[in-house]
Amino acid sequence: MAHKGVDLVVLGRLTAESMPELTYPLERAGAFVDAAAARAGAAPPTSLAALRALCDRYRALLDALDRVRRAERGAAAGEQLAPALAAVDAAAAEVRRALAAEG
């Protein structure tokens, strides 16, 4: 979804009306993290902390998408969004690593 959002901004096709498609996964993931953290108590697994970090980075990307879509398109938009997208990709890789380590 992160890459799709960036692609939509680059193509000039992301509108306020299409933002819910990108925000819904964050809402669901956030609800899952909150519920899992409540169940885990004082010792949540590393993967849960990594998923929370991923949600935070995805939220930051969504903010950037909304801001950049109003001012830029094409390569300029892609360049502005690249750091936030890379942060999401890195956080996703960390979730995968944590899950693999937990078995």
N, C-alpha and C. Protein backbone atom coordinates (compact mmCIF):
# COMPACT_ATOMS: atom_id res chain seq x y z
N MET A 1 0.82 -1.19 0.00
CA MET A 1 0.00 0.00 0.00
C MET A 1 0.87 1.26 0.00
N ALA A 2 2.00 1.19 0.67
CA ALA A 2 2.90 2.34 0.71
C ALA A 2 3.39 2.67 -0.70
N HIS A 3 3.81 1.65 -1.43
CA HIS A 3 4.29 1.87 -2.79
C HIS A 3 3.16 2.35 -3.70
N LYS A 4 1.98 1.80 -3.51
CA LYS A 4 0.83 2.23 -4.31
C LYS A 4 0.55 3.71 -4.07
N GLY A 5 0.59 4.13 -2.81
CA GLY A 5 0.35 5.54 -2.49
C GLY A 5 1.36 6.46 -3.16
N VAL A 6 2.62 6.09 -3.11
CA VAL A 6 3.65 6.90 -3.77
C VAL A 6 3.41 6.93 -5.28
N ASP A 7 3.10 5.78 -5.86
CA ASP A 7 2.83 5.73 -7.30
C ASP A 7 1.66 6.64 -7.67
N LEU A 8 0.62 6.64 -6.85
CA LEU A 8 -0.54 7.49 -7.14
C LEU A 8 -0.17 8.97 -7.09
N VAL A 9 0.66 9.35 -6.13
CA VAL A 9 1.09 10.76 -6.05
C VAL A 9 1.94 11.11 -7.26
N VAL A 10 2.88 10.24 -7.60
CA VAL A 10 3.76 10.50 -8.75
C VAL A 10 2.94 10.68 -10.03
N LEU A 11 1.89 9.88 -10.16
CA LEU A 11 1.03 9.96 -11.35
C LEU A 11 -0.01 11.08 -11.27
N GLY A 12 -0.08 11.76 -10.12
CA GLY A 12 -1.06 12.82 -9.94
C GLY A 12 -2.48 12.30 -9.77
N ARG A 13 -2.61 11.08 -9.26
CA ARG A 13 -3.93 10.45 -9.16
C ARG A 13 -4.42 10.27 -7.72
N LEU A 14 -3.63 10.69 -6.74
CA LEU A 14 -4.07 10.56 -5.35
C LEU A 14 -4.91 11.78 -4.99
N THR A 15 -6.14 11.53 -4.55
CA THR A 15 -7.04 12.60 -4.14
C THR A 15 -7.45 12.37 -2.69
N ALA A 16 -8.06 13.38 -2.10
CA ALA A 16 -8.55 13.23 -0.73
C ALA A 16 -9.56 12.08 -0.64
N GLU A 17 -10.32 11.90 -1.70
CA GLU A 17 -11.33 10.85 -1.72
C GLU A 17 -10.72 9.45 -1.76
N SER A 18 -9.50 9.33 -2.28
CA SER A 18 -8.88 8.02 -2.36
C SER A 18 -8.00 7.70 -1.15
N MET A 19 -7.82 8.65 -0.25
CA MET A 19 -6.98 8.43 0.93
C MET A 19 -7.50 7.31 1.84
N PRO A 20 -8.82 7.13 2.01
CA PRO A 20 -9.28 6.06 2.90
C PRO A 20 -8.77 4.67 2.51
N GLU A 21 -8.56 4.43 1.23
CA GLU A 21 -8.01 3.14 0.81
C GLU A 21 -6.63 2.92 1.43
N LEU A 22 -5.88 4.01 1.61
CA LEU A 22 -4.54 3.91 2.17
C LEU A 22 -4.55 3.98 3.69
N THR A 23 -5.52 4.64 4.28
CA THR A 23 -5.56 4.76 5.74
C THR A 23 -6.19 3.55 6.42
N TYR A 24 -7.06 2.86 5.74
CA TYR A 24 -7.75 1.72 6.34
C TYR A 24 -6.78 0.65 6.86
N PRO A 25 -5.79 0.24 6.09
CA PRO A 25 -4.85 -0.76 6.62
C PRO A 25 -4.15 -0.30 7.89
N LEU A 26 -3.84 0.99 7.98
CA LEU A 26 -3.21 1.52 9.18
C LEU A 26 -4.16 1.43 10.37
N GLU A 27 -5.41 1.75 10.15
CA GLU A 27 -6.40 1.67 11.23
C GLU A 27 -6.51 0.24 11.75
N ARG A 28 -6.58 -0.72 10.84
CA ARG A 28 -6.70 -2.12 11.23
C ARG A 28 -5.44 -2.61 11.94
N ALA A 29 -4.28 -2.24 11.41
CA ALA A 29 -3.02 -2.66 12.04
C ALA A 29 -2.88 -2.04 13.42
N GLY A 30 -3.26 -0.78 13.56
CA GLY A 30 -3.19 -0.12 14.86
C GLY A 30 -4.09 -0.79 15.88
N ALA A 31 -5.29 -1.17 15.47
CA ALA A 31 -6.21 -1.87 16.36
C ALA A 31 -5.64 -3.22 16.77
N PHE A 32 -5.02 -3.92 15.81
CA PHE A 32 -4.39 -5.20 16.12
C PHE A 32 -3.27 -5.03 17.13
N VAL A 33 -2.40 -4.04 16.92
CA VAL A 33 -1.27 -3.80 17.82
C VAL A 33 -1.78 -3.50 19.23
N ASP A 34 -2.79 -2.66 19.34
CA ASP A 34 -3.33 -2.32 20.65
C ASP A 34 -3.89 -3.55 21.36
N ALA A 35 -4.65 -4.37 20.63
CA ALA A 35 -5.25 -5.57 21.22
C ALA A 35 -4.17 -6.58 21.61
N ALA A 36 -3.19 -6.77 20.75
CA ALA A 36 -2.12 -7.73 21.03
C ALA A 36 -1.27 -7.27 22.20
N ALA A 37 -1.02 -5.97 22.29
CA ALA A 37 -0.23 -5.44 23.40
C ALA A 37 -0.98 -5.64 24.72
N ALA A 38 -2.28 -5.46 24.70
CA ALA A 38 -3.08 -5.67 25.91
C ALA A 38 -3.01 -7.13 26.35
N ARG A 39 -3.05 -8.04 25.40
CA ARG A 39 -2.97 -9.47 25.72
C ARG A 39 -1.58 -9.87 26.19
N ALA A 40 -0.55 -9.25 25.62
CA ALA A 40 0.83 -9.62 25.93
C ALA A 40 1.26 -9.15 27.31
N GLY A 41 0.65 -8.11 27.80
CA GLY A 41 1.01 -7.61 29.12
C GLY A 41 2.37 -6.95 29.14
N ALA A 42 3.16 -7.29 30.15
CA ALA A 42 4.44 -6.61 30.38
C ALA A 42 5.55 -7.06 29.44
N ALA A 43 5.37 -8.19 28.77
CA ALA A 43 6.45 -8.71 27.93
C ALA A 43 5.98 -8.97 26.51
N PRO A 44 5.69 -7.90 25.75
CA PRO A 44 5.25 -8.11 24.37
C PRO A 44 6.41 -8.62 23.51
N PRO A 45 6.11 -9.40 22.49
CA PRO A 45 7.18 -9.89 21.62
C PRO A 45 7.83 -8.74 20.83
N THR A 46 9.05 -8.98 20.44
CA THR A 46 9.79 -7.99 19.66
C THR A 46 9.05 -7.63 18.37
N SER A 47 8.39 -8.61 17.79
CA SER A 47 7.68 -8.35 16.53
C SER A 47 6.55 -7.35 16.71
N LEU A 48 5.96 -7.31 17.89
CA LEU A 48 4.88 -6.36 18.13
C LEU A 48 5.42 -4.94 18.19
N ALA A 49 6.54 -4.76 18.84
CA ALA A 49 7.17 -3.44 18.85
C ALA A 49 7.58 -3.03 17.44
N ALA A 50 8.06 -3.99 16.67
CA ALA A 50 8.45 -3.69 15.28
C ALA A 50 7.23 -3.31 14.45
N LEU A 51 6.11 -3.99 14.69
CA LEU A 51 4.89 -3.65 13.96
C LEU A 51 4.39 -2.27 14.35
N ARG A 52 4.50 -1.91 15.61
CA ARG A 52 4.11 -0.57 16.04
C ARG A 52 4.98 0.49 15.34
N ALA A 53 6.27 0.21 15.24
CA ALA A 53 7.18 1.14 14.55
C ALA A 53 6.80 1.25 13.07
N LEU A 54 6.44 0.12 12.47
CA LEU A 54 6.00 0.15 11.07
C LEU A 54 4.75 1.01 10.92
N CYS A 55 3.82 0.87 11.82
CA CYS A 55 2.60 1.70 11.78
C CYS A 55 2.96 3.18 11.88
N ASP A 56 3.89 3.52 12.76
CA ASP A 56 4.31 4.92 12.92
C ASP A 56 4.93 5.45 11.63
N ARG A 57 5.76 4.64 11.00
CA ARG A 57 6.41 5.09 9.75
C ARG A 57 5.40 5.18 8.61
N TYR A 58 4.45 4.26 8.58
CA TYR A 58 3.42 4.32 7.54
C TYR A 58 2.55 5.56 7.74
N ARG A 59 2.23 5.89 8.99
CA ARG A 59 1.46 7.09 9.29
C ARG A 59 2.21 8.34 8.80
N ALA A 60 3.51 8.37 9.04
CA ALA A 60 4.32 9.50 8.56
C ALA A 60 4.31 9.56 7.04
N LEU A 61 4.35 8.41 6.39
CA LEU A 61 4.28 8.39 4.92
C LEU A 61 2.93 8.93 4.45
N LEU A 62 1.85 8.52 5.10
CA LEU A 62 0.53 9.02 4.71
C LEU A 62 0.46 10.54 4.82
N ASP A 63 1.04 11.08 5.88
CA ASP A 63 1.07 12.54 6.03
C ASP A 63 1.85 13.18 4.89
N ALA A 64 2.98 12.57 4.54
CA ALA A 64 3.79 13.08 3.44
C ALA A 64 3.05 12.97 2.11
N LEU A 65 2.37 11.85 1.89
CA LEU A 65 1.60 11.68 0.65
C LEU A 65 0.57 12.79 0.51
N ASP A 66 -0.14 13.06 1.57
CA ASP A 66 -1.19 14.07 1.53
C ASP A 66 -0.60 15.46 1.28
N ARG A 67 0.53 15.74 1.89
CA ARG A 67 1.18 17.04 1.72
C ARG A 67 1.77 17.19 0.31
N VAL A 68 2.48 16.18 -0.14
CA VAL A 68 3.18 16.26 -1.43
C VAL A 68 2.19 16.25 -2.60
N ARG A 69 1.11 15.52 -2.48
CA ARG A 69 0.14 15.43 -3.58
C ARG A 69 -0.42 16.79 -3.96
N ARG A 70 -0.41 17.71 -3.04
CA ARG A 70 -0.96 19.05 -3.30
C ARG A 70 0.00 19.95 -4.06
N ALA A 71 1.28 19.59 -4.04
CA ALA A 71 2.28 20.49 -4.61
C ALA A 71 3.12 19.90 -5.73
N GLU A 72 3.27 18.59 -5.77
CA GLU A 72 4.20 17.98 -6.71
C GLU A 72 3.58 16.81 -7.45
N ARG A 73 4.20 16.49 -8.56
CA ARG A 73 3.88 15.28 -9.34
C ARG A 73 5.17 14.80 -9.97
N GLY A 74 5.10 13.64 -10.54
CA GLY A 74 6.23 13.12 -11.28
C GLY A 74 7.44 12.84 -10.41
N ALA A 75 8.59 12.99 -11.04
CA ALA A 75 9.85 12.66 -10.37
C ALA A 75 10.07 13.49 -9.11
N ALA A 76 9.66 14.75 -9.12
CA ALA A 76 9.84 15.60 -7.95
C ALA A 76 9.07 15.04 -6.75
N ALA A 77 7.87 14.55 -6.99
CA ALA A 77 7.08 13.94 -5.92
C ALA A 77 7.76 12.68 -5.43
N GLY A 78 8.22 11.86 -6.35
CA GLY A 78 8.90 10.63 -5.97
C GLY A 78 10.14 10.89 -5.13
N GLU A 79 10.89 11.91 -5.49
CA GLU A 79 12.09 12.26 -4.72
C GLU A 79 11.75 12.71 -3.32
N GLN A 80 10.70 13.51 -3.19
CA GLN A 80 10.29 13.99 -1.86
C GLN A 80 9.78 12.85 -0.98
N LEU A 81 9.15 11.87 -1.59
CA LEU A 81 8.56 10.77 -0.83
C LEU A 81 9.52 9.61 -0.59
N ALA A 82 10.64 9.59 -1.29
CA ALA A 82 11.57 8.46 -1.20
C ALA A 82 12.05 8.17 0.23
N PRO A 83 12.43 9.17 1.02
CA PRO A 83 12.89 8.85 2.38
C PRO A 83 11.80 8.21 3.25
N ALA A 84 10.59 8.71 3.17
CA ALA A 84 9.49 8.14 3.96
C ALA A 84 9.17 6.73 3.49
N LEU A 85 9.20 6.50 2.19
CA LEU A 85 8.95 5.16 1.66
C LEU A 85 10.06 4.20 2.08
N ALA A 86 11.29 4.65 2.05
CA ALA A 86 12.41 3.80 2.48
C ALA A 86 12.28 3.45 3.97
N ALA A 87 11.80 4.38 4.76
CA ALA A 87 11.60 4.12 6.19
C ALA A 87 10.53 3.05 6.40
N VAL A 88 9.46 3.10 5.60
CA VAL A 88 8.41 2.07 5.69
C VAL A 88 8.99 0.72 5.27
N ASP A 89 9.71 0.68 4.18
CA ASP A 89 10.31 -0.58 3.73
C ASP A 89 11.26 -1.16 4.78
N ALA A 90 12.06 -0.31 5.40
CA ALA A 90 13.00 -0.77 6.43
C ALA A 90 12.24 -1.31 7.65
N ALA A 91 11.17 -0.63 8.03
CA ALA A 91 10.37 -1.09 9.17
C ALA A 91 9.68 -2.42 8.85
N ALA A 92 9.21 -2.58 7.63
CA ALA A 92 8.59 -3.84 7.23
C ALA A 92 9.61 -4.98 7.27
N ALA A 93 10.82 -4.70 6.84
CA ALA A 93 11.88 -5.72 6.90
C ALA A 93 12.18 -6.09 8.34
N GLU A 94 12.13 -5.12 9.23
CA GLU A 94 12.38 -5.40 10.64
C GLU A 94 11.28 -6.28 11.23
N VAL A 95 10.04 -6.07 10.83
CA VAL A 95 8.95 -6.92 11.29
C VAL A 95 9.19 -8.36 10.81
N ARG A 96 9.57 -8.50 9.54
CA ARG A 96 9.84 -9.84 9.02
C ARG A 96 10.97 -10.53 9.78
N ARG A 97 12.03 -9.77 10.08
CA ARG A 97 13.17 -10.33 10.83
C ARG A 97 12.73 -10.77 12.23
N ALA A 98 11.95 -9.91 12.90
CA ALA A 98 11.49 -10.23 14.25
C ALA A 98 10.60 -11.46 14.25
N LEU A 99 9.71 -11.56 13.29
CA LEU A 99 8.83 -12.73 13.20
C LEU A 99 9.64 -14.00 12.94
N ALA A 100 10.62 -13.91 12.07
CA ALA A 100 11.45 -15.08 11.78
C ALA A 100 12.23 -15.52 13.02
N ALA A 101 12.73 -14.57 13.78
CA ALA A 101 13.48 -14.89 14.99
C ALA A 101 12.58 -15.53 16.06
N GLU A 102 11.32 -15.13 16.06
CA GLU A 102 10.37 -15.67 17.05
C GLU A 102 9.82 -17.04 16.64
N GLY A 103 10.08 -17.39 15.39
CA GLY A 103 9.65 -18.70 14.91
C GLY A 103 8.22 -18.70 14.57
